[in-house]
Amino acid sequence: MILRNAEETNMATLTLRNNSITLAQALKASGLADTGGQAKHLVRSGDVVVNDAVETQPGRKLRPGDRFRLGKGEEWTVSA
């Protein structure tokens, strides 16, 4: 996966090398979590929103077009 911030749209984007990424991996890759353990804890505690719904499964697969954020923070978009 390649991480970039799309300045032209003011939207944070996580670009995938493969077809999907787990939510915990996405949190770590985006810098919203420092470790995989911290990412899993954040998700399980109900602090993460995917596509406008609280998600509690760190293994949830994200695919291009999915959006995620930590609390009320900046929203990230997954792209191919």
PDB file of N, CA and C in Angstrom:
ATOM      1  N   MET A   1       0.823  -1.174   0.000  1.00  0.00           N
ATOM      2  CA  MET A   1       0.000   0.000   0.000  1.00  0.00           C
ATOM      3  C   MET A   1       0.865   1.234   0.000  1.00  0.00           C
ATOM      4  N   ILE A   2       0.370   2.252  -0.616  1.00  0.00           N
ATOM      5  CA  ILE A   2       1.067   3.526  -0.692  1.00  0.00           C
ATOM      6  C   ILE A   2       0.183   4.562  -0.042  1.00  0.00           C
ATOM      7  N   LEU A   3       0.771   5.354   0.813  1.00  0.00           N
ATOM      8  CA  LEU A   3       0.015   6.370   1.543  1.00  0.00           C
ATOM      9  C   LEU A   3       0.313   7.724   0.933  1.00  0.00           C
ATOM     10  N   ARG A   4      -0.746   8.475   0.656  1.00  0.00           N
ATOM     11  CA  ARG A   4      -0.519   9.828   0.158  1.00  0.00           C
ATOM     12  C   ARG A   4      -1.675  10.707   0.585  1.00  0.00           C
ATOM     13  N   ASN A   5      -1.414  11.971   0.632  1.00  0.00           N
ATOM     14  CA  ASN A   5      -2.455  12.944   0.936  1.00  0.00           C
ATOM     15  C   ASN A   5      -2.758  13.692  -0.350  1.00  0.00           C
ATOM     16  N   ALA A   6      -3.946  13.550  -0.864  1.00  0.00           N
ATOM     17  CA  ALA A   6      -4.324  14.179  -2.121  1.00  0.00           C
ATOM     18  C   ALA A   6      -4.616  15.652  -1.868  1.00  0.00           C
ATOM     19  N   GLU A   7      -3.600  16.492  -1.982  1.00  0.00           N
ATOM     20  CA  GLU A   7      -3.733  17.909  -1.671  1.00  0.00           C
ATOM     21  C   GLU A   7      -4.740  18.613  -2.574  1.00  0.00           C
ATOM     22  N   GLU A   8      -4.858  18.160  -3.831  1.00  0.00           N
ATOM     23  CA  GLU A   8      -5.762  18.825  -4.748  1.00  0.00           C
ATOM     24  C   GLU A   8      -7.224  18.694  -4.331  1.00  0.00           C
ATOM     25  N   THR A   9      -7.567  17.706  -3.533  1.00  0.00           N
ATOM     26  CA  THR A   9      -8.949  17.534  -3.093  1.00  0.00           C
ATOM     27  C   THR A   9      -9.102  17.745  -1.596  1.00  0.00           C
ATOM     28  N   ASN A  10      -8.001  18.003  -0.886  1.00  0.00           N
ATOM     29  CA  ASN A  10      -8.017  18.133   0.574  1.00  0.00           C
ATOM     30  C   ASN A  10      -8.613  16.902   1.243  1.00  0.00           C
ATOM     31  N   MET A  11      -8.386  15.744   0.657  1.00  0.00           N
ATOM     32  CA  MET A  11      -8.901  14.499   1.199  1.00  0.00           C
ATOM     33  C   MET A  11      -7.716  13.553   1.414  1.00  0.00           C
ATOM     34  N   ALA A  12      -7.657  12.949   2.565  1.00  0.00           N
ATOM     35  CA  ALA A  12      -6.603  11.982   2.828  1.00  0.00           C
ATOM     36  C   ALA A  12      -6.963  10.690   2.110  1.00  0.00           C
ATOM     37  N   THR A  13      -5.994  10.121   1.404  1.00  0.00           N
ATOM     38  CA  THR A  13      -6.239   8.925   0.604  1.00  0.00           C
ATOM     39  C   THR A  13      -5.222   7.850   0.929  1.00  0.00           C
ATOM     40  N   LEU A  14      -5.697   6.629   1.063  1.00  0.00           N
ATOM     41  CA  LEU A  14      -4.844   5.469   1.252  1.00  0.00           C
ATOM     42  C   LEU A  14      -4.957   4.646  -0.019  1.00  0.00           C
ATOM     43  N   THR A  15      -3.870   4.571  -0.785  1.00  0.00           N
ATOM     44  CA  THR A  15      -3.883   3.860  -2.058  1.00  0.00           C
ATOM     45  C   THR A  15      -3.364   2.442  -1.853  1.00  0.00           C
ATOM     46  N   LEU A  16      -4.114   1.471  -2.342  1.00  0.00           N
ATOM     47  CA  LEU A  16      -3.779   0.063  -2.162  1.00  0.00           C
ATOM     48  C   LEU A  16      -2.922  -0.477  -3.287  1.00  0.00           C
ATOM     49  N   ARG A  17      -2.053  -1.423  -2.963  1.00  0.00           N
ATOM     50  CA  ARG A  17      -1.321  -2.198  -3.962  1.00  0.00           C
ATOM     51  C   ARG A  17      -2.110  -3.456  -4.298  1.00  0.00           C
ATOM     52  N   ASN A  18      -2.899  -3.937  -3.344  1.00  0.00           N
ATOM     53  CA  ASN A  18      -3.710  -5.146  -3.519  1.00  0.00           C
ATOM     54  C   ASN A  18      -5.176  -4.743  -3.578  1.00  0.00           C
ATOM     55  N   ASN A  19      -6.064  -5.733  -3.553  1.00  0.00           N
ATOM     56  CA  ASN A  19      -7.499  -5.472  -3.651  1.00  0.00           C
ATOM     57  C   ASN A  19      -8.119  -4.963  -2.360  1.00  0.00           C
ATOM     58  N   SER A  20      -7.503  -5.273  -1.217  1.00  0.00           N
ATOM     59  CA  SER A  20      -8.102  -4.883   0.059  1.00  0.00           C
ATOM     60  C   SER A  20      -7.034  -4.740   1.131  1.00  0.00           C
ATOM     61  N   ILE A  21      -7.476  -4.183   2.266  1.00  0.00           N
ATOM     62  CA  ILE A  21      -6.625  -4.023   3.446  1.00  0.00           C
ATOM     63  C   ILE A  21      -7.541  -4.147   4.654  1.00  0.00           C
ATOM     64  N   THR A  22      -7.031  -4.696   5.750  1.00  0.00           N
ATOM     65  CA  THR A  22      -7.875  -4.753   6.944  1.00  0.00           C
ATOM     66  C   THR A  22      -7.963  -3.366   7.569  1.00  0.00           C
ATOM     67  N   LEU A  23      -9.013  -3.159   8.318  1.00  0.00           N
ATOM     68  CA  LEU A  23      -9.207  -1.872   8.969  1.00  0.00           C
ATOM     69  C   LEU A  23      -8.039  -1.557   9.903  1.00  0.00           C
ATOM     70  N   ALA A  24      -7.592  -2.529  10.675  1.00  0.00           N
ATOM     71  CA  ALA A  24      -6.465  -2.301  11.589  1.00  0.00           C
ATOM     72  C   ALA A  24      -5.206  -1.905  10.815  1.00  0.00           C
ATOM     73  N   GLN A  25      -4.939  -2.580   9.693  1.00  0.00           N
ATOM     74  CA  GLN A  25      -3.771  -2.243   8.877  1.00  0.00           C
ATOM     75  C   GLN A  25      -3.907  -0.835   8.306  1.00  0.00           C
ATOM     76  N   ALA A  26      -5.118  -0.459   7.911  1.00  0.00           N
ATOM     77  CA  ALA A  26      -5.356   0.870   7.351  1.00  0.00           C
ATOM     78  C   ALA A  26      -5.100   1.952   8.395  1.00  0.00           C
ATOM     79  N   LEU A  27      -5.529   1.711   9.633  1.00  0.00           N
ATOM     80  CA  LEU A  27      -5.292   2.687  10.695  1.00  0.00           C
ATOM     81  C   LEU A  27      -3.801   2.879  10.929  1.00  0.00           C
ATOM     82  N   LYS A  28      -3.063   1.789  10.911  1.00  0.00           N
ATOM     83  CA  LYS A  28      -1.624   1.871  11.114  1.00  0.00           C
ATOM     84  C   LYS A  28      -0.944   2.551   9.921  1.00  0.00           C
ATOM     85  N   ALA A  29      -1.326   2.178   8.704  1.00  0.00           N
ATOM     86  CA  ALA A  29      -0.716   2.755   7.498  1.00  0.00           C
ATOM     87  C   ALA A  29      -0.996   4.251   7.377  1.00  0.00           C
ATOM     88  N   SER A  30      -2.155   4.683   7.849  1.00  0.00           N
ATOM     89  CA  SER A  30      -2.521   6.096   7.753  1.00  0.00           C
ATOM     90  C   SER A  30      -1.926   6.931   8.881  1.00  0.00           C
ATOM     91  N   GLY A  31      -1.318   6.267   9.870  1.00  0.00           N
ATOM     92  CA  GLY A  31      -0.719   6.986  10.986  1.00  0.00           C
ATOM     93  C   GLY A  31      -1.698   7.295  12.102  1.00  0.00           C
ATOM     94  N   LEU A  32      -2.917   6.771  12.006  1.00  0.00           N
ATOM     95  CA  LEU A  32      -3.904   6.999  13.067  1.00  0.00           C
ATOM     96  C   LEU A  32      -3.642   6.104  14.280  1.00  0.00           C
ATOM     97  N   ALA A  33      -2.837   5.066  14.090  1.00  0.00           N
ATOM     98  CA  ALA A  33      -2.419   4.185  15.185  1.00  0.00           C
ATOM     99  C   ALA A  33      -0.927   3.914  15.006  1.00  0.00           C
ATOM    100  N   ASP A  34      -0.211   3.842  16.117  1.00  0.00           N
ATOM    101  CA  ASP A  34       1.231   3.603  16.057  1.00  0.00           C
ATOM    102  C   ASP A  34       1.579   2.131  15.881  1.00  0.00           C
ATOM    103  N   THR A  35       0.739   1.253  16.424  1.00  0.00           N
ATOM    104  CA  THR A  35       1.007  -0.184  16.365  1.00  0.00           C
ATOM    105  C   THR A  35      -0.264  -0.931  15.963  1.00  0.00           C
ATOM    106  N   GLY A  36      -0.089  -2.175  15.557  1.00  0.00           N
ATOM    107  CA  GLY A  36      -1.237  -3.000  15.234  1.00  0.00           C
ATOM    108  C   GLY A  36      -2.117  -3.237  16.451  1.00  0.00           C
ATOM    109  N   GLY A  37      -1.501  -3.413  17.602  1.00  0.00           N
ATOM    110  CA  GLY A  37      -2.256  -3.613  18.839  1.00  0.00           C
ATOM    111  C   GLY A  37      -3.091  -2.401  19.194  1.00  0.00           C
ATOM    112  N   GLN A  38      -2.505  -1.226  19.021  1.00  0.00           N
ATOM    113  CA  GLN A  38      -3.251   0.003  19.289  1.00  0.00           C
ATOM    114  C   GLN A  38      -4.411   0.140  18.306  1.00  0.00           C
ATOM    115  N   ALA A  39      -4.181  -0.195  17.046  1.00  0.00           N
ATOM    116  CA  ALA A  39      -5.238  -0.120  16.037  1.00  0.00           C
ATOM    117  C   ALA A  39      -6.391  -1.047  16.402  1.00  0.00           C
ATOM    118  N   LYS A  40      -6.090  -2.263  16.793  1.00  0.00           N
ATOM    119  CA  LYS A  40      -7.137  -3.218  17.187  1.00  0.00           C
ATOM    120  C   LYS A  40      -7.922  -2.705  18.385  1.00  0.00           C
ATOM    121  N   HIS A  41      -7.223  -2.131  19.352  1.00  0.00           N
ATOM    122  CA  HIS A  41      -7.898  -1.584  20.535  1.00  0.00           C
ATOM    123  C   HIS A  41      -8.844  -0.448  20.151  1.00  0.00           C
ATOM    124  N   LEU A  42      -8.385   0.452  19.287  1.00  0.00           N
ATOM    125  CA  LEU A  42      -9.224   1.574  18.856  1.00  0.00           C
ATOM    126  C   LEU A  42     -10.498   1.077  18.174  1.00  0.00           C
ATOM    127  N   VAL A  43     -10.352   0.078  17.313  1.00  0.00           N
ATOM    128  CA  VAL A  43     -11.522  -0.448  16.595  1.00  0.00           C
ATOM    129  C   VAL A  43     -12.470  -1.132  17.563  1.00  0.00           C
ATOM    130  N   ARG A  44     -11.949  -2.016  18.394  1.00  0.00           N
ATOM    131  CA  ARG A  44     -12.808  -2.773  19.324  1.00  0.00           C
ATOM    132  C   ARG A  44     -13.507  -1.878  20.339  1.00  0.00           C
ATOM    133  N   SER A  45     -12.932  -0.715  20.629  1.00  0.00           N
ATOM    134  CA  SER A  45     -13.544   0.190  21.606  1.00  0.00           C
ATOM    135  C   SER A  45     -14.636   1.055  20.982  1.00  0.00           C
ATOM    136  N   GLY A  46     -14.858   0.916  19.661  1.00  0.00           N
ATOM    137  CA  GLY A  46     -15.924   1.660  19.006  1.00  0.00           C
ATOM    138  C   GLY A  46     -15.544   3.067  18.597  1.00  0.00           C
ATOM    139  N   ASP A  47     -14.240   3.351  18.502  1.00  0.00           N
ATOM    140  CA  ASP A  47     -13.772   4.691  18.150  1.00  0.00           C
ATOM    141  C   ASP A  47     -13.582   4.904  16.656  1.00  0.00           C
ATOM    142  N   VAL A  48     -13.834   3.876  15.840  1.00  0.00           N
ATOM    143  CA  VAL A  48     -13.577   3.971  14.404  1.00  0.00           C
ATOM    144  C   VAL A  48     -14.888   3.884  13.624  1.00  0.00           C
ATOM    145  N   VAL A  49     -14.998   4.735  12.624  1.00  0.00           N
ATOM    146  CA  VAL A  49     -16.190   4.790  11.772  1.00  0.00           C
ATOM    147  C   VAL A  49     -15.782   4.418  10.348  1.00  0.00           C
ATOM    148  N   VAL A  50     -16.531   3.489   9.751  1.00  0.00           N
ATOM    149  CA  VAL A  50     -16.315   3.086   8.366  1.00  0.00           C
ATOM    150  C   VAL A  50     -17.607   3.339   7.600  1.00  0.00           C
ATOM    151  N   ASN A  51     -17.513   4.106   6.531  1.00  0.00           N
ATOM    152  CA  ASN A  51     -18.686   4.402   5.695  1.00  0.00           C
ATOM    153  C   ASN A  51     -19.864   4.870   6.550  1.00  0.00           C
ATOM    154  N   ASP A  52     -19.587   5.778   7.485  1.00  0.00           N
ATOM    155  CA  ASP A  52     -20.592   6.412   8.345  1.00  0.00           C
ATOM    156  C   ASP A  52     -21.224   5.497   9.388  1.00  0.00           C
ATOM    157  N   ALA A  53     -20.617   4.352   9.685  1.00  0.00           N
ATOM    158  CA  ALA A  53     -21.125   3.441  10.718  1.00  0.00           C
ATOM    159  C   ALA A  53     -19.971   2.998  11.614  1.00  0.00           C
ATOM    160  N   VAL A  54     -20.228   2.919  12.917  1.00  0.00           N
ATOM    161  CA  VAL A  54     -19.199   2.452  13.850  1.00  0.00           C
ATOM    162  C   VAL A  54     -18.842   1.013  13.503  1.00  0.00           C
ATOM    163  N   GLU A  55     -17.541   0.721  13.459  1.00  0.00           N
ATOM    164  CA  GLU A  55     -17.061  -0.627  13.146  1.00  0.00           C
ATOM    165  C   GLU A  55     -16.230  -1.137  14.318  1.00  0.00           C
ATOM    166  N   THR A  56     -16.491  -2.368  14.758  1.00  0.00           N
ATOM    167  CA  THR A  56     -15.769  -2.945  15.898  1.00  0.00           C
ATOM    168  C   THR A  56     -14.946  -4.180  15.526  1.00  0.00           C
ATOM    169  N   GLN A  57     -14.854  -4.489  14.251  1.00  0.00           N
ATOM    170  CA  GLN A  57     -14.080  -5.652  13.797  1.00  0.00           C
ATOM    171  C   GLN A  57     -12.794  -5.193  13.120  1.00  0.00           C
ATOM    172  N   PRO A  58     -11.634  -5.354  13.793  1.00  0.00           N
ATOM    173  CA  PRO A  58     -10.375  -4.886  13.207  1.00  0.00           C
ATOM    174  C   PRO A  58     -10.012  -5.594  11.909  1.00  0.00           C
ATOM    175  N   GLY A  59     -10.546  -6.785  11.687  1.00  0.00           N
ATOM    176  CA  GLY A  59     -10.247  -7.541  10.471  1.00  0.00           C
ATOM    177  C   GLY A  59     -11.139  -7.196   9.297  1.00  0.00           C
ATOM    178  N   ARG A  60     -12.028  -6.250   9.469  1.00  0.00           N
ATOM    179  CA  ARG A  60     -12.929  -5.840   8.385  1.00  0.00           C
ATOM    180  C   ARG A  60     -12.102  -5.439   7.174  1.00  0.00           C
ATOM    181  N   LYS A  61     -12.442  -5.977   6.026  1.00  0.00           N
ATOM    182  CA  LYS A  61     -11.724  -5.667   4.787  1.00  0.00           C
ATOM    183  C   LYS A  61     -12.227  -4.349   4.204  1.00  0.00           C
ATOM    184  N   LEU A  62     -11.298  -3.478   3.901  1.00  0.00           N
ATOM    185  CA  LEU A  62     -11.617  -2.230   3.220  1.00  0.00           C
ATOM    186  C   LEU A  62     -11.198  -2.364   1.769  1.00  0.00           C
ATOM    187  N   ARG A  63     -12.032  -1.869   0.887  1.00  0.00           N
ATOM    188  CA  ARG A  63     -11.778  -1.917  -0.546  1.00  0.00           C
ATOM    189  C   ARG A  63     -11.883  -0.509  -1.116  1.00  0.00           C
ATOM    190  N   PRO A  64     -11.392  -0.305  -2.341  1.00  0.00           N
ATOM    191  CA  PRO A  64     -11.487   1.027  -2.940  1.00  0.00           C
ATOM    192  C   PRO A  64     -12.908   1.581  -2.859  1.00  0.00           C
ATOM    193  N   GLY A  65     -12.987   2.839  -2.459  1.00  0.00           N
ATOM    194  CA  GLY A  65     -14.279   3.504  -2.284  1.00  0.00           C
ATOM    195  C   GLY A  65     -14.718   3.578  -0.840  1.00  0.00           C
ATOM    196  N   ASP A  66     -14.184   2.698   0.019  1.00  0.00           N
ATOM    197  CA  ASP A  66     -14.534   2.748   1.448  1.00  0.00           C
ATOM    198  C   ASP A  66     -13.893   3.970   2.083  1.00  0.00           C
ATOM    199  N   ARG A  67     -14.551   4.489   3.120  1.00  0.00           N
ATOM    200  CA  ARG A  67     -14.060   5.638   3.872  1.00  0.00           C
ATOM    201  C   ARG A  67     -13.959   5.251   5.344  1.00  0.00           C
ATOM    202  N   PHE A  68     -12.943   5.770   6.042  1.00  0.00           N
ATOM    203  CA  PHE A  68     -12.801   5.490   7.471  1.00  0.00           C
ATOM    204  C   PHE A  68     -12.241   6.712   8.177  1.00  0.00           C
ATOM    205  N   ARG A  69     -12.522   6.771   9.480  1.00  0.00           N
ATOM    206  CA  ARG A  69     -11.980   7.861  10.297  1.00  0.00           C
ATOM    207  C   ARG A  69     -11.937   7.415  11.752  1.00  0.00           C
ATOM    208  N   LEU A  70     -11.136   8.095  12.519  1.00  0.00           N
ATOM    209  CA  LEU A  70     -11.025   7.863  13.955  1.00  0.00           C
ATOM    210  C   LEU A  70     -11.818   8.954  14.642  1.00  0.00           C
ATOM    211  N   GLY A  71     -12.893   8.574  15.335  1.00  0.00           N
ATOM    212  CA  GLY A  71     -13.749   9.534  16.011  1.00  0.00           C
ATOM    213  C   GLY A  71     -14.316  10.539  15.037  1.00  0.00           C
ATOM    214  N   LYS A  72     -14.159  11.818  15.361  1.00  0.00           N
ATOM    215  CA  LYS A  72     -14.648  12.883  14.481  1.00  0.00           C
ATOM    216  C   LYS A  72     -13.507  13.485  13.664  1.00  0.00           C
ATOM    217  N   GLY A  73     -12.405  12.724  13.565  1.00  0.00           N
ATOM    218  CA  GLY A  73     -11.237  13.209  12.849  1.00  0.00           C
ATOM    219  C   GLY A  73     -11.396  13.201  11.340  1.00  0.00           C
ATOM    220  N   GLU A  74     -10.290  13.477  10.677  1.00  0.00           N
ATOM    221  CA  GLU A  74     -10.254  13.544   9.212  1.00  0.00           C
ATOM    222  C   GLU A  74     -10.650  12.203   8.613  1.00  0.00           C
ATOM    223  N   GLU A  75     -11.446  12.258   7.565  1.00  0.00           N
ATOM    224  CA  GLU A  75     -11.882  11.036   6.892  1.00  0.00           C
ATOM    225  C   GLU A  75     -10.864  10.648   5.823  1.00  0.00           C
ATOM    226  N   TRP A  76     -10.570   9.362   5.774  1.00  0.00           N
ATOM    227  CA  TRP A  76      -9.665   8.807   4.787  1.00  0.00           C
ATOM    228  C   TRP A  76     -10.482   8.014   3.779  1.00  0.00           C
ATOM    229  N   THR A  77     -10.047   8.032   2.522  1.00  0.00           N
ATOM    230  CA  THR A  77     -10.694   7.273   1.478  1.00  0.00           C
ATOM    231  C   THR A  77      -9.708   6.239   0.946  1.00  0.00           C
ATOM    232  N   VAL A  78     -10.177   5.022   0.745  1.00  0.00           N
ATOM    233  CA  VAL A  78      -9.348   3.954   0.184  1.00  0.00           C
ATOM    234  C   VAL A  78      -9.493   4.009  -1.338  1.00  0.00           C
ATOM    235  N   SER A  79      -8.359   3.989  -2.039  1.00  0.00           N
ATOM    236  CA  SER A  79      -8.406   3.999  -3.495  1.00  0.00           C
ATOM    237  C   SER A  79      -7.503   2.908  -4.064  1.00  0.00           C
ATOM    238  N   ALA A  80      -7.713   2.602  -5.334  1.00  0.00           N
ATOM    239  CA  ALA A  80      -6.938   1.544  -6.005  1.00  0.00           C
ATOM    240  C   ALA A  80      -5.667   2.109  -6.578  1.00  0.00           C
TER     241      ALA A  80
END
